[in-house]
Amino acid sequence: MEVSRLQVAFEATGQAGVQAAVRKTDTDIKNLAANSENSAKRMGGAFAGAGKALALGFGAIAAVGIGNAIGGFISMNAQAEQFHQSLEVVTGSQEKANALFDELQGFAAATPFEFPELVQASINLESFGLKTEDWIGTIGDTASAMGKSVDQVTQAVLDASSGQYERLKELGVNASVEGDKLKLSYMENVKQITETVDKTNKEVIQSTLQSIWNRKYEGAMKKQSRTFNGMLST
């Protein structure tokens, strides 16, 4: 009899424990579900916020890019206008300036050199009475062959026209003065050649120098334009 009462009590207690455990498990599951839902909402909000931030960021970047593009366009037009005016002054004609401007644009598109440096070289040449169309090819080939800039070669030409020959050494020509004579020495086909001209005749000096460079460096500009860097430039 006593055993039966203990058994009943045990069973009752066991059932109550199981029911309590089930109720606790059910509550835990509901809490877990609620927490998961809240976490999902928070994550969704975070992703939404990040998306808005990214959208704003990309919008700001786009705005900056557009602003820079507009600024660059205005600057480019202002520079082009300045080039036109300078060329018109040194050539003495708006028509000549326009033709030269277009010619230099085409030259820049087909060679490794930039348009602004070509225009500046043209301004310097024209201001010294030298025609751009006569010299720009020689200058471009010489600069390409010797690894110099267009400006460096242009300045060497102008210096030689004024009796200053130091820059010529960097371009493959040694100059020496003896009395009223100017000797221009250079290497061609592994031979040293010396040409003597009147040091007071700048036209002869210019033509002789140009002839030397044409023989030594002709075609160098075209070869450089076929290199990787040259293709990137053109």
C-alpha atoms as a PDB file:
ATOM      1  CA  MET A   1       0.000   0.000   0.000  1.00  0.00           C
ATOM      2  CA  GLU A   2       2.779   2.343   0.922  1.00  0.00           C
ATOM      3  CA  VAL A   3       4.612   1.440  -2.288  1.00  0.00           C
ATOM      4  CA  SER A   4       1.541   2.220  -4.336  1.00  0.00           C
ATOM      5  CA  ARG A   5       1.261   5.675  -2.774  1.00  0.00           C
ATOM      6  CA  LEU A   6       4.946   6.348  -3.445  1.00  0.00           C
ATOM      7  CA  GLN A   7       4.565   5.156  -7.014  1.00  0.00           C
ATOM      8  CA  VAL A   8       1.559   7.409  -7.580  1.00  0.00           C
ATOM      9  CA  ALA A   9       3.370  10.341  -6.014  1.00  0.00           C
ATOM     10  CA  PHE A  10       6.443   9.698  -8.147  1.00  0.00           C
ATOM     11  CA  GLU A  11       4.378   9.438 -11.296  1.00  0.00           C
ATOM     12  CA  ALA A  12       2.499  12.638 -10.414  1.00  0.00           C
ATOM     13  CA  THR A  13       5.754  14.416  -9.709  1.00  0.00           C
ATOM     14  CA  GLY A  14       7.280  13.060 -12.894  1.00  0.00           C
ATOM     15  CA  GLN A  15       4.348  14.215 -14.992  1.00  0.00           C
ATOM     16  CA  ALA A  16       4.423  17.652 -13.370  1.00  0.00           C
ATOM     17  CA  GLY A  17       8.168  17.881 -14.032  1.00  0.00           C
ATOM     18  CA  VAL A  18       7.721  16.890 -17.637  1.00  0.00           C
ATOM     19  CA  GLN A  19       4.919  19.418 -18.074  1.00  0.00           C
ATOM     20  CA  ALA A  20       7.053  22.133 -16.452  1.00  0.00           C
ATOM     21  CA  ALA A  21       9.964  21.217 -18.686  1.00  0.00           C
ATOM     22  CA  VAL A  22       7.734  21.331 -21.743  1.00  0.00           C
ATOM     23  CA  ARG A  23       6.362  24.715 -20.702  1.00  0.00           C
ATOM     24  CA  LYS A  24       9.908  26.033 -20.145  1.00  0.00           C
ATOM     25  CA  THR A  25      11.096  24.672 -23.495  1.00  0.00           C
ATOM     26  CA  ASP A  26       8.098  26.227 -25.240  1.00  0.00           C
ATOM     27  CA  THR A  27       8.855  29.577 -23.576  1.00  0.00           C
ATOM     28  CA  ASP A  28      12.530  29.335 -24.545  1.00  0.00           C
ATOM     29  CA  ILE A  29      11.601  28.589 -28.139  1.00  0.00           C
ATOM     30  CA  LYS A  30       9.256  31.589 -28.253  1.00  0.00           C
ATOM     31  CA  ASN A  31      11.934  33.837 -26.730  1.00  0.00           C
ATOM     32  CA  LEU A  32      14.512  32.539 -29.201  1.00  0.00           C
ATOM     33  CA  ALA A  33      12.129  33.188 -32.076  1.00  0.00           C
ATOM     34  CA  ALA A  34      11.424  36.702 -30.805  1.00  0.00           C
ATOM     35  CA  ASN A  35      15.132  37.399 -30.372  1.00  0.00           C
ATOM     36  CA  SER A  36      15.870  36.048 -33.849  1.00  0.00           C
ATOM     37  CA  GLU A  37      13.171  38.261 -35.327  1.00  0.00           C
ATOM     38  CA  ASN A  38      14.556  41.305 -33.537  1.00  0.00           C
ATOM     39  CA  SER A  39      18.084  40.435 -34.670  1.00  0.00           C
ATOM     40  CA  ALA A  40      16.887  40.059 -38.230  1.00  0.00           C
ATOM     41  CA  LYS A  41      15.179  43.436 -38.036  1.00  0.00           C
ATOM     42  CA  ARG A  42      18.329  45.027 -36.640  1.00  0.00           C
ATOM     43  CA  MET A  43      20.440  43.429 -39.356  1.00  0.00           C
ATOM     44  CA  GLY A  44      17.978  44.530 -41.979  1.00  0.00           C
ATOM     45  CA  GLY A  45      18.099  48.046 -40.611  1.00  0.00           C
ATOM     46  CA  ALA A  46      21.862  47.971 -40.571  1.00  0.00           C
ATOM     47  CA  PHE A  47      21.995  46.781 -44.176  1.00  0.00           C
ATOM     48  CA  ALA A  48      19.458  49.401 -45.164  1.00  0.00           C
ATOM     49  CA  GLY A  49      21.519  52.061 -43.406  1.00  0.00           C
ATOM     50  CA  ALA A  50      24.682  50.827 -45.097  1.00  0.00           C
ATOM     51  CA  GLY A  51      22.891  50.873 -48.427  1.00  0.00           C
ATOM     52  CA  LYS A  52      21.811  54.461 -47.873  1.00  0.00           C
ATOM     53  CA  ALA A  53      25.347  55.395 -46.813  1.00  0.00           C
ATOM     54  CA  LEU A  54      26.796  53.731 -49.899  1.00  0.00           C
ATOM     55  CA  ALA A  55      24.246  55.446 -52.105  1.00  0.00           C
ATOM     56  CA  LEU A  56      25.097  58.782 -50.539  1.00  0.00           C
ATOM     57  CA  GLY A  57      28.813  57.998 -50.874  1.00  0.00           C
ATOM     58  CA  PHE A  58      28.526  57.062 -54.520  1.00  0.00           C
ATOM     59  CA  GLY A  59      26.377  60.112 -55.105  1.00  0.00           C
ATOM     60  CA  ALA A  60      29.025  62.316 -53.512  1.00  0.00           C
ATOM     61  CA  ILE A  61      31.757  60.656 -55.555  1.00  0.00           C
ATOM     62  CA  ALA A  62      29.734  61.144 -58.725  1.00  0.00           C
ATOM     63  CA  ALA A  63      29.152  64.782 -57.835  1.00  0.00           C
ATOM     64  CA  VAL A  64      32.867  65.325 -57.249  1.00  0.00           C
ATOM     65  CA  GLY A  65      33.668  63.572 -60.522  1.00  0.00           C
ATOM     66  CA  ILE A  66      31.217  65.721 -62.454  1.00  0.00           C
ATOM     67  CA  GLY A  67      32.571  68.827 -60.743  1.00  0.00           C
ATOM     68  CA  ASN A  68      36.136  67.908 -61.660  1.00  0.00           C
ATOM     69  CA  ALA A  69      35.103  67.178 -65.244  1.00  0.00           C
ATOM     70  CA  ILE A  70      33.399  70.548 -65.555  1.00  0.00           C
ATOM     71  CA  GLY A  71      36.390  72.297 -63.979  1.00  0.00           C
ATOM     72  CA  GLY A  72      38.754  70.476 -66.327  1.00  0.00           C
ATOM     73  CA  PHE A  73      36.632  71.382 -69.352  1.00  0.00           C
ATOM     74  CA  ILE A  74      36.610  75.060 -68.384  1.00  0.00           C
ATOM     75  CA  SER A  75      40.362  75.022 -67.740  1.00  0.00           C
ATOM     76  CA  MET A  76      41.003  73.305 -71.084  1.00  0.00           C
ATOM     77  CA  ASN A  77      38.936  75.866 -72.982  1.00  0.00           C
ATOM     78  CA  ALA A  78      40.669  78.722 -71.193  1.00  0.00           C
ATOM     79  CA  GLN A  79      44.077  77.243 -72.046  1.00  0.00           C
ATOM     80  CA  ALA A  80      43.075  76.733 -75.691  1.00  0.00           C
ATOM     81  CA  GLU A  81      41.981  80.353 -75.905  1.00  0.00           C
ATOM     82  CA  GLN A  82      45.308  81.474 -74.454  1.00  0.00           C
ATOM     83  CA  PHE A  83      47.186  79.309 -76.980  1.00  0.00           C
ATOM     84  CA  HIS A  84      45.218  80.864 -79.826  1.00  0.00           C
ATOM     85  CA  GLN A  85      46.025  84.364 -78.668  1.00  0.00           C
ATOM     86  CA  SER A  86      49.733  83.634 -78.230  1.00  0.00           C
ATOM     87  CA  LEU A  87      49.995  82.034 -81.666  1.00  0.00           C
ATOM     88  CA  GLU A  88      48.158  84.957 -83.218  1.00  0.00           C
ATOM     89  CA  VAL A  89      50.612  87.399 -81.651  1.00  0.00           C
ATOM     90  CA  VAL A  90      53.768  85.573 -82.811  1.00  0.00           C
ATOM     91  CA  THR A  91      52.447  84.790 -86.309  1.00  0.00           C
ATOM     92  CA  GLY A  92      50.805  88.179 -86.793  1.00  0.00           C
ATOM     93  CA  SER A  93      47.666  86.613 -88.257  1.00  0.00           C
ATOM     94  CA  GLN A  94      44.544  84.992 -86.848  1.00  0.00           C
ATOM     95  CA  GLU A  95      44.274  82.822 -89.957  1.00  0.00           C
ATOM     96  CA  LYS A  96      47.849  81.549 -89.563  1.00  0.00           C
ATOM     97  CA  ALA A  97      47.302  81.001 -85.860  1.00  0.00           C
ATOM     98  CA  ASN A  98      44.189  78.900 -86.507  1.00  0.00           C
ATOM     99  CA  ALA A  99      45.947  76.816 -89.158  1.00  0.00           C
ATOM    100  CA  LEU A 100      48.961  76.269 -86.907  1.00  0.00           C
ATOM    101  CA  PHE A 101      46.721  75.367 -83.967  1.00  0.00           C
ATOM    102  CA  ASP A 102      44.994  72.661 -86.030  1.00  0.00           C
ATOM    103  CA  GLU A 103      48.310  71.383 -87.388  1.00  0.00           C
ATOM    104  CA  LEU A 104      49.764  71.026 -83.895  1.00  0.00           C
ATOM    105  CA  GLN A 105      46.671  69.167 -82.709  1.00  0.00           C
ATOM    106  CA  GLY A 106      47.135  66.643 -85.495  1.00  0.00           C
ATOM    107  CA  PHE A 107      50.845  66.392 -84.730  1.00  0.00           C
ATOM    108  CA  ALA A 108      50.138  65.727 -81.048  1.00  0.00           C
ATOM    109  CA  ALA A 109      47.611  63.005 -81.917  1.00  0.00           C
ATOM    110  CA  ALA A 110      50.141  61.135 -84.073  1.00  0.00           C
ATOM    111  CA  THR A 111      53.292  61.524 -81.952  1.00  0.00           C
ATOM    112  CA  PRO A 112      54.399  60.815 -78.342  1.00  0.00           C
ATOM    113  CA  PHE A 113      54.291  64.534 -77.486  1.00  0.00           C
ATOM    114  CA  GLU A 114      51.635  66.526 -75.662  1.00  0.00           C
ATOM    115  CA  PHE A 115      49.763  69.376 -77.304  1.00  0.00           C
ATOM    116  CA  PRO A 116      50.694  72.098 -74.760  1.00  0.00           C
ATOM    117  CA  GLU A 117      54.455  71.476 -75.106  1.00  0.00           C
ATOM    118  CA  LEU A 118      54.149  71.565 -78.898  1.00  0.00           C
ATOM    119  CA  VAL A 119      52.281  74.864 -78.781  1.00  0.00           C
ATOM    120  CA  GLN A 120      54.907  76.366 -76.471  1.00  0.00           C
ATOM    121  CA  ALA A 121      57.668  75.191 -78.806  1.00  0.00           C
ATOM    122  CA  SER A 122      55.809  76.735 -81.731  1.00  0.00           C
ATOM    123  CA  ILE A 123      55.446  80.044 -79.889  1.00  0.00           C
ATOM    124  CA  ASN A 124      59.183  80.096 -79.150  1.00  0.00           C
ATOM    125  CA  LEU A 125      60.143  79.217 -82.726  1.00  0.00           C
ATOM    126  CA  GLU A 126      57.812  81.728 -84.329  1.00  0.00           C
ATOM    127  CA  SER A 127      58.966  84.489 -81.994  1.00  0.00           C
ATOM    128  CA  PHE A 128      62.535  83.919 -83.266  1.00  0.00           C
ATOM    129  CA  GLY A 129      61.436  83.995 -86.892  1.00  0.00           C
ATOM    130  CA  LEU A 130      61.569  80.218 -87.403  1.00  0.00           C
ATOM    131  CA  LYS A 131      58.607  78.479 -89.008  1.00  0.00           C
ATOM    132  CA  THR A 132      57.049  75.760 -86.924  1.00  0.00           C
ATOM    133  CA  GLU A 133      56.222  73.573 -89.928  1.00  0.00           C
ATOM    134  CA  ASP A 134      59.894  73.619 -90.968  1.00  0.00           C
ATOM    135  CA  TRP A 135      61.278  72.664 -87.575  1.00  0.00           C
ATOM    136  CA  ILE A 136      58.750  70.676 -85.566  1.00  0.00           C
ATOM    137  CA  GLY A 137      59.531  67.360 -87.314  1.00  0.00           C
ATOM    138  CA  THR A 138      63.281  67.737 -86.785  1.00  0.00           C
ATOM    139  CA  ILE A 139      62.799  68.755 -83.167  1.00  0.00           C
ATOM    140  CA  GLY A 140      60.441  65.817 -82.527  1.00  0.00           C
ATOM    141  CA  ASP A 141      62.862  63.271 -84.030  1.00  0.00           C
ATOM    142  CA  THR A 142      65.823  64.707 -82.108  1.00  0.00           C
ATOM    143  CA  ALA A 143      63.925  64.760 -78.825  1.00  0.00           C
ATOM    144  CA  SER A 144      62.777  61.153 -79.335  1.00  0.00           C
ATOM    145  CA  ALA A 145      66.262  59.893 -80.259  1.00  0.00           C
ATOM    146  CA  MET A 146      68.049  61.629 -77.396  1.00  0.00           C
ATOM    147  CA  GLY A 147      65.423  61.187 -74.682  1.00  0.00           C
ATOM    148  CA  LYS A 148      64.834  64.930 -74.347  1.00  0.00           C
ATOM    149  CA  SER A 149      61.741  67.080 -74.253  1.00  0.00           C
ATOM    150  CA  VAL A 150      60.534  69.165 -77.170  1.00  0.00           C
ATOM    151  CA  ASP A 151      61.306  72.278 -75.144  1.00  0.00           C
ATOM    152  CA  GLN A 152      64.925  71.237 -74.518  1.00  0.00           C
ATOM    153  CA  VAL A 153      65.615  70.752 -78.219  1.00  0.00           C
ATOM    154  CA  THR A 154      63.805  73.963 -79.116  1.00  0.00           C
ATOM    155  CA  GLN A 155      65.883  75.924 -76.634  1.00  0.00           C
ATOM    156  CA  ALA A 156      69.065  74.383 -78.080  1.00  0.00           C
ATOM    157  CA  VAL A 157      68.081  75.631 -81.539  1.00  0.00           C
ATOM    158  CA  LEU A 158      67.327  79.124 -80.260  1.00  0.00           C
ATOM    159  CA  ASP A 159      70.551  79.230 -78.216  1.00  0.00           C
ATOM    160  CA  ALA A 160      72.635  78.218 -81.237  1.00  0.00           C
ATOM    161  CA  SER A 161      70.974  80.999 -83.225  1.00  0.00           C
ATOM    162  CA  SER A 162      72.192  83.418 -80.545  1.00  0.00           C
ATOM    163  CA  GLY A 163      75.777  82.126 -80.392  1.00  0.00           C
ATOM    164  CA  GLN A 164      75.314  79.807 -77.403  1.00  0.00           C
ATOM    165  CA  TYR A 165      76.212  76.190 -78.137  1.00  0.00           C
ATOM    166  CA  GLU A 166      76.429  74.447 -74.775  1.00  0.00           C
ATOM    167  CA  ARG A 167      73.069  72.684 -75.144  1.00  0.00           C
ATOM    168  CA  LEU A 168      74.150  71.066 -78.416  1.00  0.00           C
ATOM    169  CA  LYS A 169      76.451  68.635 -76.554  1.00  0.00           C
ATOM    170  CA  GLU A 170      73.433  66.862 -75.061  1.00  0.00           C
ATOM    171  CA  LEU A 171      72.016  66.414 -78.553  1.00  0.00           C
ATOM    172  CA  GLY A 172      75.022  64.793 -80.215  1.00  0.00           C
ATOM    173  CA  VAL A 173      76.827  67.865 -81.594  1.00  0.00           C
ATOM    174  CA  ASN A 174      80.031  69.472 -80.304  1.00  0.00           C
ATOM    175  CA  ALA A 175      80.604  73.097 -81.238  1.00  0.00           C
ATOM    176  CA  SER A 176      83.837  75.100 -81.169  1.00  0.00           C
ATOM    177  CA  VAL A 177      84.629  78.620 -82.344  1.00  0.00           C
ATOM    178  CA  GLU A 178      87.814  79.549 -84.178  1.00  0.00           C
ATOM    179  CA  GLY A 179      87.909  83.203 -85.187  1.00  0.00           C
ATOM    180  CA  ASP A 180      84.819  83.884 -87.236  1.00  0.00           C
ATOM    181  CA  LYS A 181      84.220  80.180 -87.890  1.00  0.00           C
ATOM    182  CA  LEU A 182      81.995  77.737 -86.069  1.00  0.00           C
ATOM    183  CA  LYS A 183      82.886  74.057 -86.224  1.00  0.00           C
ATOM    184  CA  LEU A 184      80.123  71.538 -85.646  1.00  0.00           C
ATOM    185  CA  SER A 185      81.402  68.001 -85.004  1.00  0.00           C
ATOM    186  CA  TYR A 186      79.268  64.870 -84.704  1.00  0.00           C
ATOM    187  CA  MET A 187      79.343  61.110 -85.196  1.00  0.00           C
ATOM    188  CA  GLU A 188      77.681  59.523 -88.212  1.00  0.00           C
ATOM    189  CA  ASN A 189      78.043  55.852 -89.194  1.00  0.00           C
ATOM    190  CA  VAL A 190      80.872  55.443 -86.656  1.00  0.00           C
ATOM    191  CA  LYS A 191      82.774  58.311 -88.254  1.00  0.00           C
ATOM    192  CA  GLN A 192      83.424  61.782 -86.881  1.00  0.00           C
ATOM    193  CA  ILE A 193      82.365  64.537 -89.215  1.00  0.00           C
ATOM    194  CA  THR A 194      83.069  68.243 -88.836  1.00  0.00           C
ATOM    195  CA  GLU A 195      81.260  70.995 -90.668  1.00  0.00           C
ATOM    196  CA  THR A 196      82.536  74.581 -90.613  1.00  0.00           C
ATOM    197  CA  VAL A 197      80.217  77.562 -91.041  1.00  0.00           C
ATOM    198  CA  ASP A 198      80.253  81.324 -90.576  1.00  0.00           C
ATOM    199  CA  LYS A 199      79.471  81.966 -86.909  1.00  0.00           C
ATOM    200  CA  THR A 200      77.812  85.305 -87.771  1.00  0.00           C
ATOM    201  CA  ASN A 201      75.304  83.768 -90.175  1.00  0.00           C
ATOM    202  CA  LYS A 202      72.530  82.370 -87.987  1.00  0.00           C
ATOM    203  CA  GLU A 203      70.483  81.125 -90.964  1.00  0.00           C
ATOM    204  CA  VAL A 204      73.398  78.946 -92.104  1.00  0.00           C
ATOM    205  CA  ILE A 205      73.966  77.722 -88.549  1.00  0.00           C
ATOM    206  CA  GLN A 206      70.291  76.789 -88.259  1.00  0.00           C
ATOM    207  CA  SER A 207      70.118  74.998 -91.608  1.00  0.00           C
ATOM    208  CA  THR A 208      73.379  73.118 -90.951  1.00  0.00           C
ATOM    209  CA  LEU A 209      72.246  72.015 -87.522  1.00  0.00           C
ATOM    210  CA  GLN A 210      68.899  70.922 -88.890  1.00  0.00           C
ATOM    211  CA  SER A 211      70.581  68.934 -91.664  1.00  0.00           C
ATOM    212  CA  ILE A 212      72.818  67.157 -89.141  1.00  0.00           C
ATOM    213  CA  TRP A 213      69.903  66.177 -86.922  1.00  0.00           C
ATOM    214  CA  ASN A 214      67.787  65.045 -89.857  1.00  0.00           C
ATOM    215  CA  ARG A 215      70.505  62.670 -91.016  1.00  0.00           C
ATOM    216  CA  LYS A 216      71.208  61.348 -87.530  1.00  0.00           C
ATOM    217  CA  TYR A 217      67.717  61.081 -86.040  1.00  0.00           C
ATOM    218  CA  GLU A 218      65.138  60.957 -88.809  1.00  0.00           C
ATOM    219  CA  GLY A 219      62.365  58.460 -88.005  1.00  0.00           C
ATOM    220  CA  ALA A 220      63.067  58.318 -84.256  1.00  0.00           C
ATOM    221  CA  MET A 221      59.747  59.917 -83.412  1.00  0.00           C
ATOM    222  CA  LYS A 222      57.789  57.330 -85.391  1.00  0.00           C
ATOM    223  CA  LYS A 223      59.692  54.503 -83.708  1.00  0.00           C
ATOM    224  CA  GLN A 224      59.000  55.912 -80.260  1.00  0.00           C
ATOM    225  CA  SER A 225      55.293  56.257 -81.040  1.00  0.00           C
ATOM    226  CA  ARG A 226      55.201  52.463 -81.578  1.00  0.00           C
ATOM    227  CA  THR A 227      56.498  51.718 -78.081  1.00  0.00           C
ATOM    228  CA  PHE A 228      54.097  51.002 -75.228  1.00  0.00           C
ATOM    229  CA  ASN A 229      54.565  54.437 -73.648  1.00  0.00           C
ATOM    230  CA  GLY A 230      54.330  56.067 -77.051  1.00  0.00           C
ATOM    231  CA  MET A 231      51.038  54.324 -77.808  1.00  0.00           C
ATOM    232  CA  LEU A 232      49.663  55.364 -74.427  1.00  0.00           C
ATOM    233  CA  SER A 233      50.599  58.965 -75.185  1.00  0.00           C
ATOM    234  CA  THR A 234      49.147  59.045 -78.663  1.00  0.00           C
END
